[in-house]
Amino acid sequence: MTFVMFRRFMFVKQTNIILFSTSSSFLNLSSSMKKLIDAQKYQQALNLFHQNSKYASDVAINLALKACTKLKNLEEGITIHQHLSPQSMNNSFINTSLIHLYSK
């Protein structure tokens, strides 16, 4: 019984570590992209997004769409749009960025 409880605890603890490191990656990508966009380094922000797309949160996707808009890179924006999850498609910030992208 004690061994089973210990194994469950270790599993929970390892799962929390994985979740924490994934959350940390989300934050690092988004904050790095935000700094690049604030410095008007839009192409570098997009490159960073593509290098780390498996860690892309809705915030990072939104920033990537903003970079596409600033670069007037409709083709890249369409590609990002086509790969959005249904959950991301319901994000009002992403929807607003898509409206800006397509209206420019």
PDB file of N, CA and C in Angstrom:
ATOM      1  N   MET A   1       0.827  -1.189   0.000  1.00  0.00           N
ATOM      2  CA  MET A   1       0.000   0.000   0.000  1.00  0.00           C
ATOM      3  C   MET A   1       0.870   1.252   0.000  1.00  0.00           C
ATOM      4  N   THR A   2       1.881   1.281   0.838  1.00  0.00           N
ATOM      5  CA  THR A   2       2.759   2.444   0.909  1.00  0.00           C
ATOM      6  C   THR A   2       3.489   2.646  -0.405  1.00  0.00           C
ATOM      7  N   PHE A   3       3.956   1.564  -1.012  1.00  0.00           N
ATOM      8  CA  PHE A   3       4.669   1.651  -2.284  1.00  0.00           C
ATOM      9  C   PHE A   3       3.760   2.203  -3.380  1.00  0.00           C
ATOM     10  N   VAL A   4       2.499   1.750  -3.428  1.00  0.00           N
ATOM     11  CA  VAL A   4       1.549   2.234  -4.430  1.00  0.00           C
ATOM     12  C   VAL A   4       1.305   3.730  -4.234  1.00  0.00           C
ATOM     13  N   MET A   5       1.132   4.169  -2.990  1.00  0.00           N
ATOM     14  CA  MET A   5       0.913   5.584  -2.726  1.00  0.00           C
ATOM     15  C   MET A   5       2.145   6.397  -3.121  1.00  0.00           C
ATOM     16  N   PHE A   6       3.331   5.864  -2.862  1.00  0.00           N
ATOM     17  CA  PHE A   6       4.555   6.558  -3.223  1.00  0.00           C
ATOM     18  C   PHE A   6       4.654   6.699  -4.738  1.00  0.00           C
ATOM     19  N   ARG A   7       4.312   5.637  -5.485  1.00  0.00           N
ATOM     20  CA  ARG A   7       4.352   5.693  -6.950  1.00  0.00           C
ATOM     21  C   ARG A   7       3.361   6.722  -7.477  1.00  0.00           C
ATOM     22  N   ARG A   8       2.171   6.778  -6.885  1.00  0.00           N
ATOM     23  CA  ARG A   8       1.178   7.766  -7.322  1.00  0.00           C
ATOM     24  C   ARG A   8       1.691   9.178  -7.054  1.00  0.00           C
ATOM     25  N   PHE A   9       2.302   9.383  -5.912  1.00  0.00           N
ATOM     26  CA  PHE A   9       2.847  10.690  -5.582  1.00  0.00           C
ATOM     27  C   PHE A   9       3.929  11.078  -6.585  1.00  0.00           C
ATOM     28  N   MET A  10       4.806  10.143  -6.911  1.00  0.00           N
ATOM     29  CA  MET A  10       5.875  10.425  -7.863  1.00  0.00           C
ATOM     30  C   MET A  10       5.293  10.760  -9.234  1.00  0.00           C
ATOM     31  N   PHE A  11       4.237  10.052  -9.639  1.00  0.00           N
ATOM     32  CA  PHE A  11       3.608  10.340 -10.925  1.00  0.00           C
ATOM     33  C   PHE A  11       3.020  11.744 -10.930  1.00  0.00           C
ATOM     34  N   VAL A  12       2.315  12.088  -9.873  1.00  0.00           N
ATOM     35  CA  VAL A  12       1.721  13.425  -9.762  1.00  0.00           C
ATOM     36  C   VAL A  12       2.813  14.479  -9.756  1.00  0.00           C
ATOM     37  N   LYS A  13       3.869  14.224  -8.995  1.00  0.00           N
ATOM     38  CA  LYS A  13       4.968  15.183  -8.916  1.00  0.00           C
ATOM     39  C   LYS A  13       5.633  15.347 -10.279  1.00  0.00           C
ATOM     40  N   GLN A  14       5.883  14.268 -10.996  1.00  0.00           N
ATOM     41  CA  GLN A  14       6.485  14.356 -12.324  1.00  0.00           C
ATOM     42  C   GLN A  14       5.551  15.066 -13.297  1.00  0.00           C
ATOM     43  N   THR A  15       4.257  14.799 -13.222  1.00  0.00           N
ATOM     44  CA  THR A  15       3.292  15.454 -14.094  1.00  0.00           C
ATOM     45  C   THR A  15       3.295  16.958 -13.839  1.00  0.00           C
ATOM     46  N   ASN A  16       3.346  17.360 -12.584  1.00  0.00           N
ATOM     47  CA  ASN A  16       3.388  18.788 -12.261  1.00  0.00           C
ATOM     48  C   ASN A  16       4.637  19.447 -12.812  1.00  0.00           C
ATOM     49  N   ILE A  17       5.755  18.756 -12.760  1.00  0.00           N
ATOM     50  CA  ILE A  17       7.001  19.294 -13.304  1.00  0.00           C
ATOM     51  C   ILE A  17       6.865  19.479 -14.814  1.00  0.00           C
ATOM     52  N   ILE A  18       6.294  18.510 -15.492  1.00  0.00           N
ATOM     53  CA  ILE A  18       6.104  18.618 -16.938  1.00  0.00           C
ATOM     54  C   ILE A  18       5.167  19.780 -17.256  1.00  0.00           C
ATOM     55  N   LEU A  19       4.067  19.902 -16.522  1.00  0.00           N
ATOM     56  CA  LEU A  19       3.134  21.002 -16.748  1.00  0.00           C
ATOM     57  C   LEU A  19       3.805  22.341 -16.481  1.00  0.00           C
ATOM     58  N   PHE A  20       4.608  22.409 -15.425  1.00  0.00           N
ATOM     59  CA  PHE A  20       5.286  23.657 -15.103  1.00  0.00           C
ATOM     60  C   PHE A  20       6.272  24.029 -16.204  1.00  0.00           C
ATOM     61  N   SER A  21       7.043  23.073 -16.688  1.00  0.00           N
ATOM     62  CA  SER A  21       8.024  23.397 -17.718  1.00  0.00           C
ATOM     63  C   SER A  21       7.327  23.785 -19.018  1.00  0.00           C
ATOM     64  N   THR A  22       6.186  23.161 -19.323  1.00  0.00           N
ATOM     65  CA  THR A  22       5.439  23.537 -20.519  1.00  0.00           C
ATOM     66  C   THR A  22       4.879  24.942 -20.360  1.00  0.00           C
ATOM     67  N   SER A  23       4.323  25.261 -19.207  1.00  0.00           N
ATOM     68  CA  SER A  23       3.802  26.600 -18.958  1.00  0.00           C
ATOM     69  C   SER A  23       4.917  27.627 -19.038  1.00  0.00           C
ATOM     70  N   SER A  24       6.059  27.276 -18.519  1.00  0.00           N
ATOM     71  CA  SER A  24       7.208  28.162 -18.557  1.00  0.00           C
ATOM     72  C   SER A  24       7.621  28.432 -20.001  1.00  0.00           C
ATOM     73  N   SER A  25       7.580  27.415 -20.853  1.00  0.00           N
ATOM     74  CA  SER A  25       7.913  27.588 -22.259  1.00  0.00           C
ATOM     75  C   SER A  25       6.930  28.517 -22.942  1.00  0.00           C
ATOM     76  N   PHE A  26       5.625  28.380 -22.606  1.00  0.00           N
ATOM     77  CA  PHE A  26       4.608  29.287 -23.152  1.00  0.00           C
ATOM     78  C   PHE A  26       4.960  30.733 -22.824  1.00  0.00           C
ATOM     79  N   LEU A  27       5.293  30.969 -21.552  1.00  0.00           N
ATOM     80  CA  LEU A  27       5.582  32.330 -21.105  1.00  0.00           C
ATOM     81  C   LEU A  27       6.850  32.865 -21.746  1.00  0.00           C
ATOM     82  N   ASN A  28       7.888  32.045 -21.832  1.00  0.00           N
ATOM     83  CA  ASN A  28       9.144  32.487 -22.430  1.00  0.00           C
ATOM     84  C   ASN A  28       8.958  32.849 -23.897  1.00  0.00           C
ATOM     85  N   LEU A  29       8.238  32.037 -24.641  1.00  0.00           N
ATOM     86  CA  LEU A  29       8.018  32.313 -26.055  1.00  0.00           C
ATOM     87  C   LEU A  29       7.234  33.607 -26.215  1.00  0.00           C
ATOM     88  N   SER A  30       6.152  33.741 -25.490  1.00  0.00           N
ATOM     89  CA  SER A  30       5.307  34.933 -25.607  1.00  0.00           C
ATOM     90  C   SER A  30       6.062  36.193 -25.209  1.00  0.00           C
ATOM     91  N   SER A  31       6.782  36.148 -24.104  1.00  0.00           N
ATOM     92  CA  SER A  31       7.497  37.357 -23.661  1.00  0.00           C
ATOM     93  C   SER A  31       8.636  37.704 -24.615  1.00  0.00           C
ATOM     94  N   SER A  32       9.317  36.704 -25.150  1.00  0.00           N
ATOM     95  CA  SER A  32      10.385  36.974 -26.118  1.00  0.00           C
ATOM     96  C   SER A  32       9.822  37.571 -27.400  1.00  0.00           C
ATOM     97  N   MET A  33       8.697  37.030 -27.855  1.00  0.00           N
ATOM     98  CA  MET A  33       8.066  37.571 -29.064  1.00  0.00           C
ATOM     99  C   MET A  33       7.584  39.001 -28.821  1.00  0.00           C
ATOM    100  N   LYS A  34       7.020  39.263 -27.652  1.00  0.00           N
ATOM    101  CA  LYS A  34       6.535  40.605 -27.321  1.00  0.00           C
ATOM    102  C   LYS A  34       7.676  41.608 -27.351  1.00  0.00           C
ATOM    103  N   LYS A  35       8.831  41.236 -26.791  1.00  0.00           N
ATOM    104  CA  LYS A  35       9.992  42.136 -26.799  1.00  0.00           C
ATOM    105  C   LYS A  35      10.449  42.428 -28.225  1.00  0.00           C
ATOM    106  N   LEU A  36      10.466  41.402 -29.068  1.00  0.00           N
ATOM    107  CA  LEU A  36      10.870  41.605 -30.462  1.00  0.00           C
ATOM    108  C   LEU A  36       9.881  42.501 -31.202  1.00  0.00           C
ATOM    109  N   ILE A  37       8.612  42.292 -30.989  1.00  0.00           N
ATOM    110  CA  ILE A  37       7.592  43.116 -31.657  1.00  0.00           C
ATOM    111  C   ILE A  37       7.668  44.550 -31.153  1.00  0.00           C
ATOM    112  N   ASP A  38       7.869  44.743 -29.873  1.00  0.00           N
ATOM    113  CA  ASP A  38       8.015  46.098 -29.324  1.00  0.00           C
ATOM    114  C   ASP A  38       9.222  46.816 -29.928  1.00  0.00           C
ATOM    115  N   ALA A  39      10.251  46.052 -30.287  1.00  0.00           N
ATOM    116  CA  ALA A  39      11.448  46.611 -30.921  1.00  0.00           C
ATOM    117  C   ALA A  39      11.310  46.664 -32.444  1.00  0.00           C
ATOM    118  N   GLN A  40      10.117  46.401 -32.941  1.00  0.00           N
ATOM    119  CA  GLN A  40       9.797  46.396 -34.375  1.00  0.00           C
ATOM    120  C   GLN A  40      10.637  45.386 -35.165  1.00  0.00           C
ATOM    121  N   LYS A  41      10.962  44.279 -34.526  1.00  0.00           N
ATOM    122  CA  LYS A  41      11.691  43.185 -35.169  1.00  0.00           C
ATOM    123  C   LYS A  41      10.687  42.078 -35.491  1.00  0.00           C
ATOM    124  N   TYR A  42       9.786  42.381 -36.404  1.00  0.00           N
ATOM    125  CA  TYR A  42       8.652  41.508 -36.699  1.00  0.00           C
ATOM    126  C   TYR A  42       9.073  40.180 -37.320  1.00  0.00           C
ATOM    127  N   GLN A  43      10.027  40.213 -38.240  1.00  0.00           N
ATOM    128  CA  GLN A  43      10.468  38.974 -38.879  1.00  0.00           C
ATOM    129  C   GLN A  43      11.150  38.056 -37.868  1.00  0.00           C
ATOM    130  N   GLN A  44      11.924  38.622 -36.969  1.00  0.00           N
ATOM    131  CA  GLN A  44      12.576  37.812 -35.934  1.00  0.00           C
ATOM    132  C   GLN A  44      11.534  37.194 -35.002  1.00  0.00           C
ATOM    133  N   ALA A  45      10.484  37.932 -34.703  1.00  0.00           N
ATOM    134  CA  ALA A  45       9.412  37.393 -33.863  1.00  0.00           C
ATOM    135  C   ALA A  45       8.732  36.217 -34.562  1.00  0.00           C
ATOM    136  N   LEU A  46       8.492  36.354 -35.870  1.00  0.00           N
ATOM    137  CA  LEU A  46       7.885  35.254 -36.629  1.00  0.00           C
ATOM    138  C   LEU A  46       8.808  34.045 -36.691  1.00  0.00           C
ATOM    139  N   ASN A  47      10.093  34.297 -36.891  1.00  0.00           N
ATOM    140  CA  ASN A  47      11.057  33.183 -36.923  1.00  0.00           C
ATOM    141  C   ASN A  47      11.062  32.441 -35.592  1.00  0.00           C
ATOM    142  N   LEU A  48      11.035  33.189 -34.492  1.00  0.00           N
ATOM    143  CA  LEU A  48      11.000  32.578 -33.160  1.00  0.00           C
ATOM    144  C   LEU A  48       9.725  31.770 -32.985  1.00  0.00           C
ATOM    145  N   PHE A  49       8.609  32.302 -33.457  1.00  0.00           N
ATOM    146  CA  PHE A  49       7.332  31.588 -33.383  1.00  0.00           C
ATOM    147  C   PHE A  49       7.427  30.244 -34.099  1.00  0.00           C
ATOM    148  N   HIS A  50       7.977  30.241 -35.303  1.00  0.00           N
ATOM    149  CA  HIS A  50       8.062  28.998 -36.080  1.00  0.00           C
ATOM    150  C   HIS A  50       9.032  27.988 -35.459  1.00  0.00           C
ATOM    151  N   GLN A  51      10.087  28.467 -34.867  1.00  0.00           N
ATOM    152  CA  GLN A  51      11.048  27.569 -34.223  1.00  0.00           C
ATOM    153  C   GLN A  51      10.459  26.899 -32.987  1.00  0.00           C
ATOM    154  N   ASN A  52       9.478  27.543 -32.369  1.00  0.00           N
ATOM    155  CA  ASN A  52       8.913  27.050 -31.108  1.00  0.00           C
ATOM    156  C   ASN A  52       7.411  26.849 -31.196  1.00  0.00           C
ATOM    157  N   SER A  53       6.900  26.567 -32.373  1.00  0.00           N
ATOM    158  CA  SER A  53       5.449  26.521 -32.565  1.00  0.00           C
ATOM    159  C   SER A  53       4.761  25.450 -31.718  1.00  0.00           C
ATOM    160  N   LYS A  54       5.487  24.418 -31.307  1.00  0.00           N
ATOM    161  CA  LYS A  54       4.848  23.404 -30.470  1.00  0.00           C
ATOM    162  C   LYS A  54       4.547  23.937 -29.076  1.00  0.00           C
ATOM    163  N   TYR A  55       5.176  25.046 -28.701  1.00  0.00           N
ATOM    164  CA  TYR A  55       4.921  25.677 -27.407  1.00  0.00           C
ATOM    165  C   TYR A  55       4.016  26.898 -27.533  1.00  0.00           C
ATOM    166  N   ALA A  56       3.428  27.097 -28.693  1.00  0.00           N
ATOM    167  CA  ALA A  56       2.675  28.330 -28.946  1.00  0.00           C
ATOM    168  C   ALA A  56       1.348  28.352 -28.201  1.00  0.00           C
ATOM    169  N   SER A  57       1.211  29.340 -27.364  1.00  0.00           N
ATOM    170  CA  SER A  57      -0.055  29.597 -26.688  1.00  0.00           C
ATOM    171  C   SER A  57      -0.869  30.535 -27.567  1.00  0.00           C
ATOM    172  N   ASP A  58      -2.086  30.818 -27.151  1.00  0.00           N
ATOM    173  CA  ASP A  58      -2.902  31.778 -27.888  1.00  0.00           C
ATOM    174  C   ASP A  58      -2.240  33.155 -27.911  1.00  0.00           C
ATOM    175  N   VAL A  59      -1.533  33.494 -26.850  1.00  0.00           N
ATOM    176  CA  VAL A  59      -0.830  34.780 -26.809  1.00  0.00           C
ATOM    177  C   VAL A  59       0.248  34.823 -27.894  1.00  0.00           C
ATOM    178  N   ALA A  60       1.027  33.762 -28.021  1.00  0.00           N
ATOM    179  CA  ALA A  60       2.078  33.710 -29.032  1.00  0.00           C
ATOM    180  C   ALA A  60       1.482  33.713 -30.440  1.00  0.00           C
ATOM    181  N   ILE A  61       0.380  33.001 -30.637  1.00  0.00           N
ATOM    182  CA  ILE A  61      -0.287  32.989 -31.939  1.00  0.00           C
ATOM    183  C   ILE A  61      -0.771  34.389 -32.288  1.00  0.00           C
ATOM    184  N   ASN A  62      -1.357  35.057 -31.310  1.00  0.00           N
ATOM    185  CA  ASN A  62      -1.824  36.422 -31.516  1.00  0.00           C
ATOM    186  C   ASN A  62      -0.670  37.340 -31.910  1.00  0.00           C
ATOM    187  N   LEU A  63       0.459  37.208 -31.235  1.00  0.00           N
ATOM    188  CA  LEU A  63       1.633  38.019 -31.549  1.00  0.00           C
ATOM    189  C   LEU A  63       2.166  37.703 -32.944  1.00  0.00           C
ATOM    190  N   ALA A  64       2.140  36.440 -33.323  1.00  0.00           N
ATOM    191  CA  ALA A  64       2.593  36.054 -34.663  1.00  0.00           C
ATOM    192  C   ALA A  64       1.693  36.680 -35.732  1.00  0.00           C
ATOM    193  N   LEU A  65       0.399  36.679 -35.499  1.00  0.00           N
ATOM    194  CA  LEU A  65      -0.527  37.308 -36.444  1.00  0.00           C
ATOM    195  C   LEU A  65      -0.292  38.810 -36.527  1.00  0.00           C
ATOM    196  N   LYS A  66       0.007  39.440 -35.407  1.00  0.00           N
ATOM    197  CA  LYS A  66       0.318  40.873 -35.414  1.00  0.00           C
ATOM    198  C   LYS A  66       1.594  41.143 -36.208  1.00  0.00           C
ATOM    199  N   ALA A  67       2.584  40.270 -36.059  1.00  0.00           N
ATOM    200  CA  ALA A  67       3.821  40.434 -36.821  1.00  0.00           C
ATOM    201  C   ALA A  67       3.548  40.293 -38.316  1.00  0.00           C
ATOM    202  N   CYS A  68       2.715  39.345 -38.682  1.00  0.00           N
ATOM    203  CA  CYS A  68       2.347  39.176 -40.092  1.00  0.00           C
ATOM    204  C   CYS A  68       1.662  40.428 -40.623  1.00  0.00           C
ATOM    205  N   THR A  69       0.793  41.008 -39.826  1.00  0.00           N
ATOM    206  CA  THR A  69       0.095  42.233 -40.237  1.00  0.00           C
ATOM    207  C   THR A  69       1.082  43.365 -40.449  1.00  0.00           C
ATOM    208  N   LYS A  70       2.000  43.546 -39.525  1.00  0.00           N
ATOM    209  CA  LYS A  70       2.993  44.616 -39.643  1.00  0.00           C
ATOM    210  C   LYS A  70       3.894  44.422 -40.866  1.00  0.00           C
ATOM    211  N   LEU A  71       4.205  43.158 -41.168  1.00  0.00           N
ATOM    212  CA  LEU A  71       5.058  42.848 -42.325  1.00  0.00           C
ATOM    213  C   LEU A  71       4.274  42.803 -43.636  1.00  0.00           C
ATOM    214  N   LYS A  72       2.954  42.927 -43.514  1.00  0.00           N
ATOM    215  CA  LYS A  72       2.058  42.791 -44.672  1.00  0.00           C
ATOM    216  C   LYS A  72       2.277  41.449 -45.361  1.00  0.00           C
ATOM    217  N   ASN A  73       2.457  40.429 -44.527  1.00  0.00           N
ATOM    218  CA  ASN A  73       2.714  39.072 -45.004  1.00  0.00           C
ATOM    219  C   ASN A  73       1.419  38.269 -44.863  1.00  0.00           C
ATOM    220  N   LEU A  74       0.504  38.501 -45.798  1.00  0.00           N
ATOM    221  CA  LEU A  74      -0.796  37.843 -45.751  1.00  0.00           C
ATOM    222  C   LEU A  74      -0.661  36.331 -45.884  1.00  0.00           C
ATOM    223  N   GLU A  75       0.235  35.887 -46.742  1.00  0.00           N
ATOM    224  CA  GLU A  75       0.418  34.449 -46.965  1.00  0.00           C
ATOM    225  C   GLU A  75       0.787  33.713 -45.672  1.00  0.00           C
ATOM    226  N   GLU A  76       1.710  34.273 -44.917  1.00  0.00           N
ATOM    227  CA  GLU A  76       2.119  33.659 -43.646  1.00  0.00           C
ATOM    228  C   GLU A  76       0.973  33.679 -42.641  1.00  0.00           C
ATOM    229  N   GLY A  77       0.246  34.781 -42.611  1.00  0.00           N
ATOM    230  CA  GLY A  77      -0.903  34.894 -41.714  1.00  0.00           C
ATOM    231  C   GLY A  77      -1.975  33.866 -42.038  1.00  0.00           C
ATOM    232  N   ILE A  78      -2.207  33.644 -43.334  1.00  0.00           N
ATOM    233  CA  ILE A  78      -3.184  32.635 -43.752  1.00  0.00           C
ATOM    234  C   ILE A  78      -2.733  31.251 -43.297  1.00  0.00           C
ATOM    235  N   THR A  79      -1.453  30.970 -43.409  1.00  0.00           N
ATOM    236  CA  THR A  79      -0.925  29.669 -42.972  1.00  0.00           C
ATOM    237  C   THR A  79      -1.154  29.467 -41.479  1.00  0.00           C
ATOM    238  N   ILE A  80      -0.880  30.496 -40.689  1.00  0.00           N
ATOM    239  CA  ILE A  80      -1.119  30.401 -39.240  1.00  0.00           C
ATOM    240  C   ILE A  80      -2.611  30.202 -38.988  1.00  0.00           C
ATOM    241  N   HIS A  81      -3.445  30.961 -39.688  1.00  0.00           N
ATOM    242  CA  HIS A  81      -4.897  30.863 -39.530  1.00  0.00           C
ATOM    243  C   HIS A  81      -5.386  29.443 -39.821  1.00  0.00           C
ATOM    244  N   GLN A  82      -4.860  28.833 -40.862  1.00  0.00           N
ATOM    245  CA  GLN A  82      -5.293  27.488 -41.254  1.00  0.00           C
ATOM    246  C   GLN A  82      -4.927  26.431 -40.217  1.00  0.00           C
ATOM    247  N   HIS A  83      -3.946  26.706 -39.382  1.00  0.00           N
ATOM    248  CA  HIS A  83      -3.500  25.726 -38.393  1.00  0.00           C
ATOM    249  C   HIS A  83      -4.046  25.991 -36.991  1.00  0.00           C
ATOM    250  N   LEU A  84      -4.968  26.941 -36.867  1.00  0.00           N
ATOM    251  CA  LEU A  84      -5.526  27.246 -35.553  1.00  0.00           C
ATOM    252  C   LEU A  84      -6.440  26.129 -35.073  1.00  0.00           C
ATOM    253  N   SER A  85      -6.387  25.867 -33.792  1.00  0.00           N
ATOM    254  CA  SER A  85      -7.291  24.891 -33.180  1.00  0.00           C
ATOM    255  C   SER A  85      -8.668  25.546 -33.025  1.00  0.00           C
ATOM    256  N   PRO A  86      -9.716  24.740 -32.863  1.00  0.00           N
ATOM    257  CA  PRO A  86     -11.051  25.318 -32.615  1.00  0.00           C
ATOM    258  C   PRO A  86     -11.066  26.215 -31.375  1.00  0.00           C
ATOM    259  N   GLN A  87     -10.300  25.841 -30.366  1.00  0.00           N
ATOM    260  CA  GLN A  87     -10.229  26.659 -29.148  1.00  0.00           C
ATOM    261  C   GLN A  87      -9.623  28.031 -29.464  1.00  0.00           C
ATOM    262  N   SER A  88      -8.554  28.045 -30.236  1.00  0.00           N
ATOM    263  CA  SER A  88      -7.927  29.320 -30.599  1.00  0.00           C
ATOM    264  C   SER A  88      -8.842  30.160 -31.480  1.00  0.00           C
ATOM    265  N   MET A  89      -9.632  29.504 -32.305  1.00  0.00           N
ATOM    266  CA  MET A  89     -10.560  30.235 -33.172  1.00  0.00           C
ATOM    267  C   MET A  89     -11.636  30.950 -32.363  1.00  0.00           C
ATOM    268  N   ASN A  90     -11.874  30.526 -31.138  1.00  0.00           N
ATOM    269  CA  ASN A  90     -12.857  31.175 -30.274  1.00  0.00           C
ATOM    270  C   ASN A  90     -12.244  32.277 -29.411  1.00  0.00           C
ATOM    271  N   ASN A  91     -10.952  32.526 -29.566  1.00  0.00           N
ATOM    272  CA  ASN A  91     -10.272  33.553 -28.789  1.00  0.00           C
ATOM    273  C   ASN A  91     -10.520  34.917 -29.444  1.00  0.00           C
ATOM    274  N   SER A  92     -11.116  35.833 -28.696  1.00  0.00           N
ATOM    275  CA  SER A  92     -11.478  37.134 -29.270  1.00  0.00           C
ATOM    276  C   SER A  92     -10.261  37.951 -29.684  1.00  0.00           C
ATOM    277  N   PHE A  93      -9.132  37.795 -29.001  1.00  0.00           N
ATOM    278  CA  PHE A  93      -7.926  38.524 -29.379  1.00  0.00           C
ATOM    279  C   PHE A  93      -7.387  38.019 -30.722  1.00  0.00           C
ATOM    280  N   ILE A  94      -7.411  36.710 -30.909  1.00  0.00           N
ATOM    281  CA  ILE A  94      -6.970  36.130 -32.182  1.00  0.00           C
ATOM    282  C   ILE A  94      -7.919  36.552 -33.299  1.00  0.00           C
ATOM    283  N   ASN A  95      -9.220  36.537 -33.020  1.00  0.00           N
ATOM    284  CA  ASN A  95     -10.184  36.972 -34.033  1.00  0.00           C
ATOM    285  C   ASN A  95      -9.946  38.421 -34.444  1.00  0.00           C
ATOM    286  N   THR A  96      -9.653  39.276 -33.482  1.00  0.00           N
ATOM    287  CA  THR A  96      -9.367  40.680 -33.780  1.00  0.00           C
ATOM    288  C   THR A  96      -8.101  40.807 -34.627  1.00  0.00           C
ATOM    289  N   SER A  97      -7.081  40.031 -34.287  1.00  0.00           N
ATOM    290  CA  SER A  97      -5.842  40.068 -35.074  1.00  0.00           C
ATOM    291  C   SER A  97      -6.062  39.563 -36.492  1.00  0.00           C
ATOM    292  N   LEU A  98      -6.940  38.564 -36.652  1.00  0.00           N
ATOM    293  CA  LEU A  98      -7.256  38.077 -37.989  1.00  0.00           C
ATOM    294  C   LEU A  98      -8.000  39.135 -38.801  1.00  0.00           C
ATOM    295  N   ILE A  99      -8.896  39.866 -38.165  1.00  0.00           N
ATOM    296  CA  ILE A  99      -9.605  40.951 -38.859  1.00  0.00           C
ATOM    297  C   ILE A  99      -8.603  42.008 -39.336  1.00  0.00           C
ATOM    298  N   HIS A 100      -7.667  42.374 -38.467  1.00  0.00           N
ATOM    299  CA  HIS A 100      -6.635  43.344 -38.858  1.00  0.00           C
ATOM    300  C   HIS A 100      -5.776  42.807 -40.003  1.00  0.00           C
ATOM    301  N   LEU A 101      -5.401  41.551 -39.912  1.00  0.00           N
ATOM    302  CA  LEU A 101      -4.568  40.946 -40.950  1.00  0.00           C
ATOM    303  C   LEU A 101      -5.262  41.005 -42.309  1.00  0.00           C
ATOM    304  N   TYR A 102      -6.504  40.584 -42.362  1.00  0.00           N
ATOM    305  CA  TYR A 102      -7.218  40.513 -43.636  1.00  0.00           C
ATOM    306  C   TYR A 102      -7.669  41.897 -44.139  1.00  0.00           C
ATOM    307  N   SER A 103      -7.731  42.863 -43.252  1.00  0.00           N
ATOM    308  CA  SER A 103      -8.198  44.197 -43.689  1.00  0.00           C
ATOM    309  C   SER A 103      -7.061  45.098 -44.177  1.00  0.00           C
ATOM    310  N   LYS A 104      -5.827  44.709 -43.957  1.00  0.00           N
ATOM    311  CA  LYS A 104      -4.681  45.540 -44.374  1.00  0.00           C
ATOM    312  C   LYS A 104      -4.295  45.304 -45.805  1.00  0.00           C
TER     313      LYS A 104
END
